[in-house]
């Protein structure tokens, strides 16, 4: 299954690998912020995250990861058994959000890994 934006980006020709297409979709979902949506729309659509830049650490990051997981479950059905975790990068580096899941393929499920911010 390819989404509309994926079909438009590829121009119907060069199809992105599934992992890249899903990574772009997750990036789009993360880019929809709660303050950009009309009042109540984010809750109805199951979208609208706070800006990751404005998040503190600890519990705030954990809540962000939980909300992102709910958004992914609602809007990216190609991922099976998704998990979202916060990974501390080091003393002076910001934490990263790591998304792990499985993709169905002809040979069975294969692992999917995506990090925010990207590498």
PDB file of N, CA and C in Angstrom:
ATOM      1  N   UNK A   1       0.848  -1.167   0.000  1.00  0.00           N
ATOM      2  CA  UNK A   1       0.000   0.000   0.000  1.00  0.00           C
ATOM      3  C   UNK A   1       0.895   1.233   0.000  1.00  0.00           C
ATOM      4  N   UNK A   2       0.668   2.113  -0.937  1.00  0.00           N
ATOM      5  CA  UNK A   2       1.393   3.380  -1.000  1.00  0.00           C
ATOM      6  C   UNK A   2       0.422   4.516  -0.744  1.00  0.00           C
ATOM      7  N   UNK A   3       0.835   5.467   0.049  1.00  0.00           N
ATOM      8  CA  UNK A   3       0.007   6.612   0.362  1.00  0.00           C
ATOM      9  C   UNK A   3       0.088   7.652  -0.741  1.00  0.00           C
ATOM     10  N   UNK A   4      -0.888   8.543  -0.763  1.00  0.00           N
ATOM     11  CA  UNK A   4      -0.983   9.567  -1.803  1.00  0.00           C
ATOM     12  C   UNK A   4       0.309  10.380  -1.914  1.00  0.00           C
ATOM     13  N   UNK A   5       0.832  10.883  -0.788  1.00  0.00           N
ATOM     14  CA  UNK A   5       2.048  11.708  -0.855  1.00  0.00           C
ATOM     15  C   UNK A   5       3.229  10.919  -1.395  1.00  0.00           C
ATOM     16  N   UNK A   6       3.282   9.629  -1.102  1.00  0.00           N
ATOM     17  CA  UNK A   6       4.363   8.797  -1.641  1.00  0.00           C
ATOM     18  C   UNK A   6       4.228   8.658  -3.147  1.00  0.00           C
ATOM     19  N   UNK A   7       3.011   8.517  -3.628  1.00  0.00           N
ATOM     20  CA  UNK A   7       2.798   8.413  -5.080  1.00  0.00           C
ATOM     21  C   UNK A   7       3.131   9.731  -5.764  1.00  0.00           C
ATOM     22  N   UNK A   8       2.765  10.843  -5.147  1.00  0.00           N
ATOM     23  CA  UNK A   8       3.065  12.145  -5.731  1.00  0.00           C
ATOM     24  C   UNK A   8       4.572  12.413  -5.740  1.00  0.00           C
ATOM     25  N   UNK A   9       5.256  12.070  -4.655  1.00  0.00           N
ATOM     26  CA  UNK A   9       6.700  12.291  -4.591  1.00  0.00           C
ATOM     27  C   UNK A   9       7.450  11.487  -5.634  1.00  0.00           C
ATOM     28  N   UNK A  10       7.003  10.278  -5.874  1.00  0.00           N
ATOM     29  CA  UNK A  10       7.718   9.428  -6.825  1.00  0.00           C
ATOM     30  C   UNK A  10       7.307   9.730  -8.265  1.00  0.00           C
ATOM     31  N   UNK A  11       6.258  10.498  -8.447  1.00  0.00           N
ATOM     32  CA  UNK A  11       5.799  10.811  -9.796  1.00  0.00           C
ATOM     33  C   UNK A  11       5.323   9.570 -10.531  1.00  0.00           C
ATOM     34  N   UNK A  12       5.001   8.526  -9.765  1.00  0.00           N
ATOM     35  CA  UNK A  12       4.507   7.294 -10.370  1.00  0.00           C
ATOM     36  C   UNK A  12       5.610   6.430 -10.947  1.00  0.00           C
ATOM     37  N   UNK A  13       6.868   6.874 -10.836  1.00  0.00           N
ATOM     38  CA  UNK A  13       7.968   6.120 -11.435  1.00  0.00           C
ATOM     39  C   UNK A  13       8.831   5.476 -10.365  1.00  0.00           C
ATOM     40  N   UNK A  14       9.890   6.126  -9.978  1.00  0.00           N
ATOM     41  CA  UNK A  14      10.837   5.559  -9.021  1.00  0.00           C
ATOM     42  C   UNK A  14      10.174   5.415  -7.657  1.00  0.00           C
ATOM     43  N   UNK A  15       9.794   4.210  -7.329  1.00  0.00           N
ATOM     44  CA  UNK A  15       9.122   3.950  -6.061  1.00  0.00           C
ATOM     45  C   UNK A  15      10.164   3.879  -4.952  1.00  0.00           C
ATOM     46  N   UNK A  16       9.910   4.615  -3.892  1.00  0.00           N
ATOM     47  CA  UNK A  16      10.809   4.577  -2.742  1.00  0.00           C
ATOM     48  C   UNK A  16      10.789   3.199  -2.105  1.00  0.00           C
ATOM     49  N   UNK A  17      11.909   2.752  -1.555  1.00  0.00           N
ATOM     50  CA  UNK A  17      11.868   1.528  -0.757  1.00  0.00           C
ATOM     51  C   UNK A  17      10.885   1.716   0.400  1.00  0.00           C
ATOM     52  N   UNK A  18      10.232   0.661   0.806  1.00  0.00           N
ATOM     53  CA  UNK A  18       9.198   0.751   1.826  1.00  0.00           C
ATOM     54  C   UNK A  18       9.714   1.402   3.110  1.00  0.00           C
ATOM     55  N   UNK A  19      10.897   1.044   3.559  1.00  0.00           N
ATOM     56  CA  UNK A  19      11.448   1.617   4.781  1.00  0.00           C
ATOM     57  C   UNK A  19      11.590   3.130   4.667  1.00  0.00           C
ATOM     58  N   UNK A  20      12.072   3.611   3.532  1.00  0.00           N
ATOM     59  CA  UNK A  20      12.231   5.055   3.318  1.00  0.00           C
ATOM     60  C   UNK A  20      10.879   5.754   3.268  1.00  0.00           C
ATOM     61  N   UNK A  21       9.906   5.135   2.622  1.00  0.00           N
ATOM     62  CA  UNK A  21       8.573   5.722   2.523  1.00  0.00           C
ATOM     63  C   UNK A  21       7.929   5.838   3.903  1.00  0.00           C
ATOM     64  N   UNK A  22       8.087   4.815   4.725  1.00  0.00           N
ATOM     65  CA  UNK A  22       7.511   4.855   6.065  1.00  0.00           C
ATOM     66  C   UNK A  22       8.250   5.881   6.920  1.00  0.00           C
ATOM     67  N   UNK A  23       9.566   5.979   6.774  1.00  0.00           N
ATOM     68  CA  UNK A  23      10.324   6.992   7.492  1.00  0.00           C
ATOM     69  C   UNK A  23       9.855   8.396   7.149  1.00  0.00           C
ATOM     70  N   UNK A  24       9.593   8.643   5.878  1.00  0.00           N
ATOM     71  CA  UNK A  24       9.062   9.959   5.468  1.00  0.00           C
ATOM     72  C   UNK A  24       7.677  10.199   6.054  1.00  0.00           C
ATOM     73  N   UNK A  25       6.857   9.167   6.087  1.00  0.00           N
ATOM     74  CA  UNK A  25       5.515   9.300   6.657  1.00  0.00           C
ATOM     75  C   UNK A  25       5.595   9.631   8.148  1.00  0.00           C
ATOM     76  N   UNK A  26       6.479   8.969   8.875  1.00  0.00           N
ATOM     77  CA  UNK A  26       6.648   9.264  10.301  1.00  0.00           C
ATOM     78  C   UNK A  26       7.138  10.699  10.477  1.00  0.00           C
ATOM     79  N   UNK A  27       8.061  11.136   9.644  1.00  0.00           N
ATOM     80  CA  UNK A  27       8.547  12.521   9.712  1.00  0.00           C
ATOM     81  C   UNK A  27       7.407  13.506   9.481  1.00  0.00           C
ATOM     82  N   UNK A  28       6.518  13.192   8.560  1.00  0.00           N
ATOM     83  CA  UNK A  28       5.355  14.063   8.320  1.00  0.00           C
ATOM     84  C   UNK A  28       4.450  14.099   9.543  1.00  0.00           C
ATOM     85  N   UNK A  29       4.206  12.945  10.141  1.00  0.00           N
ATOM     86  CA  UNK A  29       3.335  12.873  11.314  1.00  0.00           C
ATOM     87  C   UNK A  29       3.920  13.675  12.476  1.00  0.00           C
ATOM     88  N   UNK A  30       5.217  13.604  12.664  1.00  0.00           N
ATOM     89  CA  UNK A  30       5.886  14.346  13.734  1.00  0.00           C
ATOM     90  C   UNK A  30       5.818  15.848  13.475  1.00  0.00           C
ATOM     91  N   UNK A  31       5.786  16.241  12.224  1.00  0.00           N
ATOM     92  CA  UNK A  31       5.787  17.662  11.858  1.00  0.00           C
ATOM     93  C   UNK A  31       4.431  18.332  12.050  1.00  0.00           C
ATOM     94  N   UNK A  32       3.374  17.561  12.297  1.00  0.00           N
ATOM     95  CA  UNK A  32       2.050  18.152  12.553  1.00  0.00           C
ATOM     96  C   UNK A  32       1.974  18.453  14.045  1.00  0.00           C
ATOM     97  N   UNK A  33       2.005  19.745  14.372  1.00  0.00           N
ATOM     98  CA  UNK A  33       2.018  20.162  15.774  1.00  0.00           C
ATOM     99  C   UNK A  33       0.607  20.511  16.240  1.00  0.00           C
ATOM    100  N   UNK A  34       0.366  20.288  17.525  1.00  0.00           N
ATOM    101  CA  UNK A  34      -0.962  20.478  18.084  1.00  0.00           C
ATOM    102  C   UNK A  34      -1.463  21.912  17.929  1.00  0.00           C
ATOM    103  N   UNK A  35      -0.576  22.908  18.020  1.00  0.00           N
ATOM    104  CA  UNK A  35      -1.022  24.301  17.920  1.00  0.00           C
ATOM    105  C   UNK A  35      -1.375  24.708  16.494  1.00  0.00           C
ATOM    106  N   UNK A  36      -1.007  23.911  15.505  1.00  0.00           N
ATOM    107  CA  UNK A  36      -1.308  24.239  14.112  1.00  0.00           C
ATOM    108  C   UNK A  36      -2.708  23.786  13.701  1.00  0.00           C
ATOM    109  N   UNK A  37      -3.321  22.943  14.512  1.00  0.00           N
ATOM    110  CA  UNK A  37      -4.624  22.385  14.170  1.00  0.00           C
ATOM    111  C   UNK A  37      -5.735  23.186  14.840  1.00  0.00           C
ATOM    112  N   UNK A  38      -6.902  23.247  14.200  1.00  0.00           N
ATOM    113  CA  UNK A  38      -8.040  23.907  14.849  1.00  0.00           C
ATOM    114  C   UNK A  38      -8.359  23.226  16.183  1.00  0.00           C
ATOM    115  N   UNK A  39      -8.917  23.973  17.081  1.00  0.00           N
ATOM    116  CA  UNK A  39      -9.239  23.461  18.413  1.00  0.00           C
ATOM    117  C   UNK A  39     -10.060  22.163  18.332  1.00  0.00           C
ATOM    118  N   UNK A  40      -9.596  21.146  19.019  1.00  0.00           N
ATOM    119  CA  UNK A  40     -10.283  19.856  19.061  1.00  0.00           C
ATOM    120  C   UNK A  40      -9.981  18.945  17.890  1.00  0.00           C
ATOM    121  N   UNK A  41      -9.405  19.466  16.820  1.00  0.00           N
ATOM    122  CA  UNK A  41      -9.150  18.664  15.613  1.00  0.00           C
ATOM    123  C   UNK A  41      -8.067  17.618  15.856  1.00  0.00           C
ATOM    124  N   UNK A  42      -7.041  17.980  16.609  1.00  0.00           N
ATOM    125  CA  UNK A  42      -5.968  17.041  16.885  1.00  0.00           C
ATOM    126  C   UNK A  42      -6.466  15.803  17.596  1.00  0.00           C
ATOM    127  N   UNK A  43      -7.357  15.991  18.547  1.00  0.00           N
ATOM    128  CA  UNK A  43      -7.913  14.855  19.288  1.00  0.00           C
ATOM    129  C   UNK A  43      -8.780  13.988  18.378  1.00  0.00           C
ATOM    130  N   UNK A  44      -9.572  14.614  17.524  1.00  0.00           N
ATOM    131  CA  UNK A  44     -10.426  13.863  16.602  1.00  0.00           C
ATOM    132  C   UNK A  44      -9.609  13.055  15.609  1.00  0.00           C
ATOM    133  N   UNK A  45      -8.525  13.638  15.106  1.00  0.00           N
ATOM    134  CA  UNK A  45      -7.699  12.973  14.106  1.00  0.00           C
ATOM    135  C   UNK A  45      -6.642  12.057  14.717  1.00  0.00           C
ATOM    136  N   UNK A  46      -6.438  12.175  16.021  1.00  0.00           N
ATOM    137  CA  UNK A  46      -5.370  11.415  16.647  1.00  0.00           C
ATOM    138  C   UNK A  46      -4.008  11.900  16.214  1.00  0.00           C
ATOM    139  N   UNK A  47      -3.882  13.211  16.026  1.00  0.00           N
ATOM    140  CA  UNK A  47      -2.627  13.813  15.558  1.00  0.00           C
ATOM    141  C   UNK A  47      -2.307  15.020  16.418  1.00  0.00           C
ATOM    142  N   UNK A  48      -1.199  15.642  16.099  1.00  0.00           N
ATOM    143  CA  UNK A  48      -0.816  16.881  16.757  1.00  0.00           C
ATOM    144  C   UNK A  48       0.070  16.637  17.953  1.00  0.00           C
ATOM    145  N   UNK A  49       1.364  16.692  17.728  1.00  0.00           N
ATOM    146  CA  UNK A  49       2.340  16.499  18.794  1.00  0.00           C
ATOM    147  C   UNK A  49       2.924  17.841  19.199  1.00  0.00           C
ATOM    148  N   UNK A  50       3.415  17.942  20.426  1.00  0.00           N
ATOM    149  CA  UNK A  50       4.148  19.162  20.772  1.00  0.00           C
ATOM    150  C   UNK A  50       5.471  19.184  20.010  1.00  0.00           C
ATOM    151  N   UNK A  51       6.102  20.319  19.980  1.00  0.00           N
ATOM    152  CA  UNK A  51       7.408  20.410  19.341  1.00  0.00           C
ATOM    153  C   UNK A  51       8.426  19.680  20.198  1.00  0.00           C
ATOM    154  N   UNK A  52       9.216  18.828  19.579  1.00  0.00           N
ATOM    155  CA  UNK A  52      10.239  18.087  20.317  1.00  0.00           C
ATOM    156  C   UNK A  52      11.276  19.022  20.911  1.00  0.00           C
ATOM    157  N   UNK A  53      11.440  20.195  20.334  1.00  0.00           N
ATOM    158  CA  UNK A  53      12.405  21.175  20.831  1.00  0.00           C
ATOM    159  C   UNK A  53      11.969  21.710  22.196  1.00  0.00           C
ATOM    160  N   UNK A  54      10.664  21.795  22.412  1.00  0.00           N
ATOM    161  CA  UNK A  54      10.133  22.362  23.649  1.00  0.00           C
ATOM    162  C   UNK A  54      10.011  21.352  24.775  1.00  0.00           C
ATOM    163  N   UNK A  55      10.330  20.107  24.507  1.00  0.00           N
ATOM    164  CA  UNK A  55      10.162  19.068  25.513  1.00  0.00           C
ATOM    165  C   UNK A  55      11.351  19.081  26.457  1.00  0.00           C
ATOM    166  N   UNK A  56      11.068  18.909  27.713  1.00  0.00           N
ATOM    167  CA  UNK A  56      12.144  18.818  28.712  1.00  0.00           C
ATOM    168  C   UNK A  56      12.797  17.459  28.618  1.00  0.00           C
ATOM    169  N   UNK A  57      12.964  16.837  29.737  1.00  0.00           N
ATOM    170  CA  UNK A  57      13.525  15.497  29.724  1.00  0.00           C
ATOM    171  C   UNK A  57      12.695  14.612  30.650  1.00  0.00           C
ATOM    172  N   UNK A  58      13.133  13.401  30.836  1.00  0.00           N
ATOM    173  CA  UNK A  58      12.461  12.501  31.767  1.00  0.00           C
ATOM    174  C   UNK A  58      11.017  12.210  31.392  1.00  0.00           C
ATOM    175  N   UNK A  59      10.101  12.605  32.282  1.00  0.00           N
ATOM    176  CA  UNK A  59       8.680  12.280  32.081  1.00  0.00           C
ATOM    177  C   UNK A  59       8.099  12.932  30.834  1.00  0.00           C
ATOM    178  N   UNK A  60       8.548  14.157  30.517  1.00  0.00           N
ATOM    179  CA  UNK A  60       8.038  14.829  29.320  1.00  0.00           C
ATOM    180  C   UNK A  60       8.404  14.045  28.057  1.00  0.00           C
ATOM    181  N   UNK A  61       9.637  13.570  27.996  1.00  0.00           N
ATOM    182  CA  UNK A  61      10.059  12.774  26.833  1.00  0.00           C
ATOM    183  C   UNK A  61       9.288  11.463  26.770  1.00  0.00           C
ATOM    184  N   UNK A  62       9.046  10.863  27.913  1.00  0.00           N
ATOM    185  CA  UNK A  62       8.294   9.606  27.944  1.00  0.00           C
ATOM    186  C   UNK A  62       6.861   9.835  27.457  1.00  0.00           C
ATOM    187  N   UNK A  63       6.242  10.931  27.888  1.00  0.00           N
ATOM    188  CA  UNK A  63       4.883  11.259  27.422  1.00  0.00           C
ATOM    189  C   UNK A  63       4.873  11.518  25.922  1.00  0.00           C
ATOM    190  N   UNK A  64       5.893  12.226  25.431  1.00  0.00           N
ATOM    191  CA  UNK A  64       5.998  12.475  23.996  1.00  0.00           C
ATOM    192  C   UNK A  64       6.083  11.148  23.239  1.00  0.00           C
ATOM    193  N   UNK A  65       6.917  10.227  23.723  1.00  0.00           N
ATOM    194  CA  UNK A  65       7.061   8.919  23.077  1.00  0.00           C
ATOM    195  C   UNK A  65       5.732   8.155  23.081  1.00  0.00           C
ATOM    196  N   UNK A  66       4.987   8.229  24.166  1.00  0.00           N
ATOM    197  CA  UNK A  66       3.682   7.559  24.239  1.00  0.00           C
ATOM    198  C   UNK A  66       2.699   8.166  23.241  1.00  0.00           C
ATOM    199  N   UNK A  67       2.688   9.496  23.128  1.00  0.00           N
ATOM    200  CA  UNK A  67       1.792  10.145  22.160  1.00  0.00           C
ATOM    201  C   UNK A  67       2.192   9.817  20.730  1.00  0.00           C
ATOM    202  N   UNK A  68       3.499   9.791  20.470  1.00  0.00           N
ATOM    203  CA  UNK A  68       3.969   9.439  19.135  1.00  0.00           C
ATOM    204  C   UNK A  68       3.566   8.011  18.792  1.00  0.00           C
ATOM    205  N   UNK A  69       3.663   7.099  19.732  1.00  0.00           N
ATOM    206  CA  UNK A  69       3.249   5.721  19.497  1.00  0.00           C
ATOM    207  C   UNK A  69       1.771   5.656  19.118  1.00  0.00           C
ATOM    208  N   UNK A  70       0.932   6.410  19.802  1.00  0.00           N
ATOM    209  CA  UNK A  70      -0.496   6.429  19.476  1.00  0.00           C
ATOM    210  C   UNK A  70      -0.729   6.969  18.063  1.00  0.00           C
ATOM    211  N   UNK A  71       0.021   8.023  17.685  1.00  0.00           N
ATOM    212  CA  UNK A  71      -0.098   8.595  16.339  1.00  0.00           C
ATOM    213  C   UNK A  71       0.326   7.567  15.293  1.00  0.00           C
ATOM    214  N   UNK A  72       1.436   6.881  15.540  1.00  0.00           N
ATOM    215  CA  UNK A  72       1.923   5.876  14.587  1.00  0.00           C
ATOM    216  C   UNK A  72       0.919   4.741  14.445  1.00  0.00           C
ATOM    217  N   UNK A  73       0.380   4.277  15.560  1.00  0.00           N
ATOM    218  CA  UNK A  73      -0.615   3.190  15.501  1.00  0.00           C
ATOM    219  C   UNK A  73      -1.851   3.602  14.706  1.00  0.00           C
ATOM    220  N   UNK A  74      -2.223   4.868  14.810  1.00  0.00           N
ATOM    221  CA  UNK A  74      -3.415   5.353  14.102  1.00  0.00           C
ATOM    222  C   UNK A  74      -3.177   5.601  12.618  1.00  0.00           C
ATOM    223  N   UNK A  75      -1.966   6.037  12.269  1.00  0.00           N
ATOM    224  CA  UNK A  75      -1.753   6.546  10.915  1.00  0.00           C
ATOM    225  C   UNK A  75      -0.699   5.818  10.088  1.00  0.00           C
ATOM    226  N   UNK A  76      -0.098   4.776  10.625  1.00  0.00           N
ATOM    227  CA  UNK A  76       0.878   4.017   9.839  1.00  0.00           C
ATOM    228  C   UNK A  76       0.629   2.518  10.031  1.00  0.00           C
ATOM    229  N   UNK A  77      -0.399   2.005   9.333  1.00  0.00           N
ATOM    230  CA  UNK A  77      -0.784   0.601   9.511  1.00  0.00           C
ATOM    231  C   UNK A  77       0.212  -0.408   8.953  1.00  0.00           C
ATOM    232  N   UNK A  78       1.196   0.050   8.208  1.00  0.00           N
ATOM    233  CA  UNK A  78       2.185  -0.877   7.656  1.00  0.00           C
ATOM    234  C   UNK A  78       3.180  -1.353   8.704  1.00  0.00           C
ATOM    235  N   UNK A  79       3.204  -0.682   9.853  1.00  0.00           N
ATOM    236  CA  UNK A  79       4.096  -1.089  10.937  1.00  0.00           C
ATOM    237  C   UNK A  79       3.352  -2.016  11.889  1.00  0.00           C
ATOM    238  N   UNK A  80       3.947  -3.159  12.160  1.00  0.00           N
ATOM    239  CA  UNK A  80       3.361  -4.111  13.097  1.00  0.00           C
ATOM    240  C   UNK A  80       4.120  -4.064  14.410  1.00  0.00           C
ATOM    241  N   UNK A  81       3.387  -4.104  15.491  1.00  0.00           N
ATOM    242  CA  UNK A  81       3.966  -4.109  16.841  1.00  0.00           C
ATOM    243  C   UNK A  81       4.956  -2.965  17.047  1.00  0.00           C
ATOM    244  N   UNK A  82       4.537  -1.727  16.733  1.00  0.00           N
ATOM    245  CA  UNK A  82       5.474  -0.616  16.910  1.00  0.00           C
ATOM    246  C   UNK A  82       5.768  -0.345  18.381  1.00  0.00           C
ATOM    247  N   UNK A  83       6.984   0.091  18.633  1.00  0.00           N
ATOM    248  CA  UNK A  83       7.433   0.524  19.957  1.00  0.00           C
ATOM    249  C   UNK A  83       8.191   1.826  19.765  1.00  0.00           C
ATOM    250  N   UNK A  84       8.031   2.733  20.710  1.00  0.00           N
ATOM    251  CA  UNK A  84       8.749   4.003  20.675  1.00  0.00           C
ATOM    252  C   UNK A  84       9.463   4.149  22.016  1.00  0.00           C
ATOM    253  N   UNK A  85      10.760   4.419  21.951  1.00  0.00           N
ATOM    254  CA  UNK A  85      11.514   4.596  23.190  1.00  0.00           C
ATOM    255  C   UNK A  85      12.427   5.810  23.071  1.00  0.00           C
ATOM    256  N   UNK A  86      12.816   6.322  24.223  1.00  0.00           N
ATOM    257  CA  UNK A  86      13.735   7.456  24.292  1.00  0.00           C
ATOM    258  C   UNK A  86      15.116   6.894  24.575  1.00  0.00           C
ATOM    259  N   UNK A  87      16.084   7.334  23.791  1.00  0.00           N
ATOM    260  CA  UNK A  87      17.462   6.866  23.936  1.00  0.00           C
ATOM    261  C   UNK A  87      18.356   8.067  24.224  1.00  0.00           C
ATOM    262  N   UNK A  88      19.021   8.041  25.369  1.00  0.00           N
ATOM    263  CA  UNK A  88      19.947   9.129  25.708  1.00  0.00           C
ATOM    264  C   UNK A  88      21.212   8.978  24.882  1.00  0.00           C
ATOM    265  N   UNK A  89      21.616  10.082  24.249  1.00  0.00           N
ATOM    266  CA  UNK A  89      22.748  10.034  23.330  1.00  0.00           C
ATOM    267  C   UNK A  89      24.082  10.349  23.995  1.00  0.00           C
ATOM    268  N   UNK A  90      24.088  11.033  25.099  1.00  0.00           N
ATOM    269  CA  UNK A  90      25.348  11.382  25.743  1.00  0.00           C
ATOM    270  C   UNK A  90      25.230  12.682  26.517  1.00  0.00           C
ATOM    271  N   UNK A  91      26.346  13.151  27.036  1.00  0.00           N
ATOM    272  CA  UNK A  91      26.349  14.339  27.896  1.00  0.00           C
ATOM    273  C   UNK A  91      25.830  15.598  27.212  1.00  0.00           C
ATOM    274  N   UNK A  92      26.305  15.874  26.011  1.00  0.00           N
ATOM    275  CA  UNK A  92      25.950  17.131  25.350  1.00  0.00           C
ATOM    276  C   UNK A  92      25.080  16.934  24.112  1.00  0.00           C
ATOM    277  N   UNK A  93      24.614  15.727  23.912  1.00  0.00           N
ATOM    278  CA  UNK A  93      23.760  15.439  22.761  1.00  0.00           C
ATOM    279  C   UNK A  93      22.319  15.270  23.234  1.00  0.00           C
ATOM    280  N   UNK A  94      21.374  15.746  22.436  1.00  0.00           N
ATOM    281  CA  UNK A  94      19.965  15.588  22.824  1.00  0.00           C
ATOM    282  C   UNK A  94      19.542  14.128  22.728  1.00  0.00           C
ATOM    283  N   UNK A  95      18.529  13.745  23.492  1.00  0.00           N
ATOM    284  CA  UNK A  95      18.034  12.369  23.387  1.00  0.00           C
ATOM    285  C   UNK A  95      17.404  12.126  22.019  1.00  0.00           C
ATOM    286  N   UNK A  96      17.365  10.873  21.634  1.00  0.00           N
ATOM    287  CA  UNK A  96      16.748  10.506  20.361  1.00  0.00           C
ATOM    288  C   UNK A  96      15.514   9.665  20.641  1.00  0.00           C
ATOM    289  N   UNK A  97      14.577   9.739  19.726  1.00  0.00           N
ATOM    290  CA  UNK A  97      13.397   8.888  19.755  1.00  0.00           C
ATOM    291  C   UNK A  97      13.664   7.741  18.788  1.00  0.00           C
ATOM    292  N   UNK A  98      13.513   6.529  19.259  1.00  0.00           N
ATOM    293  CA  UNK A  98      13.764   5.354  18.436  1.00  0.00           C
ATOM    294  C   UNK A  98      12.442   4.616  18.237  1.00  0.00           C
ATOM    295  N   UNK A  99      12.118   4.367  16.976  1.00  0.00           N
ATOM    296  CA  UNK A  99      10.896   3.649  16.612  1.00  0.00           C
ATOM    297  C   UNK A  99      11.304   2.292  16.068  1.00  0.00           C
ATOM    298  N   UNK A 100      10.784   1.249  16.691  1.00  0.00           N
ATOM    299  CA  UNK A 100      11.059  -0.114  16.265  1.00  0.00           C
ATOM    300  C   UNK A 100       9.735  -0.791  15.949  1.00  0.00           C
ATOM    301  N   UNK A 101       9.732  -1.596  14.904  1.00  0.00           N
ATOM    302  CA  UNK A 101       8.520  -2.316  14.520  1.00  0.00           C
ATOM    303  C   UNK A 101       8.911  -3.433  13.558  1.00  0.00           C
ATOM    304  N   UNK A 102       7.901  -4.035  12.966  1.00  0.00           N
ATOM    305  CA  UNK A 102       8.113  -5.053  11.951  1.00  0.00           C
ATOM    306  C   UNK A 102       7.321  -4.687  10.711  1.00  0.00           C
ATOM    307  N   UNK A 103       7.872  -5.039   9.550  1.00  0.00           N
ATOM    308  CA  UNK A 103       7.202  -4.884   8.264  1.00  0.00           C
ATOM    309  C   UNK A 103       6.943  -6.272   7.701  1.00  0.00           C
ATOM    310  N   UNK A 104       5.796  -6.456   7.105  1.00  0.00           N
ATOM    311  CA  UNK A 104       5.515  -7.732   6.451  1.00  0.00           C
ATOM    312  C   UNK A 104       6.222  -7.756   5.103  1.00  0.00           C
ATOM    313  N   UNK A 105       6.800  -8.883   4.781  1.00  0.00           N
ATOM    314  CA  UNK A 105       7.416  -9.073   3.472  1.00  0.00           C
ATOM    315  C   UNK A 105       7.072 -10.471   2.986  1.00  0.00           C
ATOM    316  N   UNK A 106       7.477 -10.767   1.781  1.00  0.00           N
ATOM    317  CA  UNK A 106       7.180 -12.084   1.202  1.00  0.00           C
ATOM    318  C   UNK A 106       7.825 -13.209   2.001  1.00  0.00           C
ATOM    319  N   UNK A 107       8.921 -12.912   2.682  1.00  0.00           N
ATOM    320  CA  UNK A 107       9.630 -13.930   3.458  1.00  0.00           C
ATOM    321  C   UNK A 107       9.269 -13.887   4.938  1.00  0.00           C
ATOM    322  N   UNK A 108       8.295 -13.071   5.309  1.00  0.00           N
ATOM    323  CA  UNK A 108       7.888 -12.945   6.702  1.00  0.00           C
ATOM    324  C   UNK A 108       8.234 -11.581   7.266  1.00  0.00           C
ATOM    325  N   UNK A 109       7.977 -11.380   8.546  1.00  0.00           N
ATOM    326  CA  UNK A 109       8.245 -10.071   9.142  1.00  0.00           C
ATOM    327  C   UNK A 109       9.737  -9.751   9.135  1.00  0.00           C
ATOM    328  N   UNK A 110      10.035  -8.481   8.870  1.00  0.00           N
ATOM    329  CA  UNK A 110      11.427  -8.033   8.945  1.00  0.00           C
ATOM    330  C   UNK A 110      11.474  -6.780   9.825  1.00  0.00           C
ATOM    331  N   UNK A 111      12.583  -6.584  10.531  1.00  0.00           N
ATOM    332  CA  UNK A 111      12.675  -5.462  11.468  1.00  0.00           C
ATOM    333  C   UNK A 111      12.686  -4.110  10.754  1.00  0.00           C
ATOM    334  N   UNK A 112      12.108  -3.129  11.416  1.00  0.00           N
ATOM    335  CA  UNK A 112      12.111  -1.739  10.955  1.00  0.00           C
ATOM    336  C   UNK A 112      12.644  -0.904  12.113  1.00  0.00           C
ATOM    337  N   UNK A 113      13.577   0.011  11.829  1.00  0.00           N
ATOM    338  CA  UNK A 113      14.161   0.892  12.833  1.00  0.00           C
ATOM    339  C   UNK A 113      14.253   2.287  12.245  1.00  0.00           C
ATOM    340  N   UNK A 114      13.790   3.281  13.015  1.00  0.00           N
ATOM    341  CA  UNK A 114      13.824   4.666  12.563  1.00  0.00           C
ATOM    342  C   UNK A 114      14.117   5.535  13.779  1.00  0.00           C
ATOM    343  N   UNK A 115      14.991   6.531  13.617  1.00  0.00           N
ATOM    344  CA  UNK A 115      15.304   7.414  14.739  1.00  0.00           C
ATOM    345  C   UNK A 115      14.972   8.854  14.401  1.00  0.00           C
ATOM    346  N   UNK A 116      14.606   9.595  15.423  1.00  0.00           N
ATOM    347  CA  UNK A 116      14.359  11.032  15.333  1.00  0.00           C
ATOM    348  C   UNK A 116      15.256  11.704  16.360  1.00  0.00           C
ATOM    349  N   UNK A 117      16.007  12.705  16.074  1.00  0.00           N
ATOM    350  CA  UNK A 117      16.250  13.153  14.719  1.00  0.00           C
ATOM    351  C   UNK A 117      17.030  12.116  13.936  1.00  0.00           C
ATOM    352  N   UNK A 118      16.884  12.180  12.629  1.00  0.00           N
ATOM    353  CA  UNK A 118      17.526  11.221  11.744  1.00  0.00           C
ATOM    354  C   UNK A 118      19.040  11.341  11.775  1.00  0.00           C
ATOM    355  N   UNK A 119      19.671  10.399  11.165  1.00  0.00           N
ATOM    356  CA  UNK A 119      21.139  10.385  11.147  1.00  0.00           C
ATOM    357  C   UNK A 119      21.657  10.936   9.860  1.00  0.00           C
TER     358      UNK A 119
END
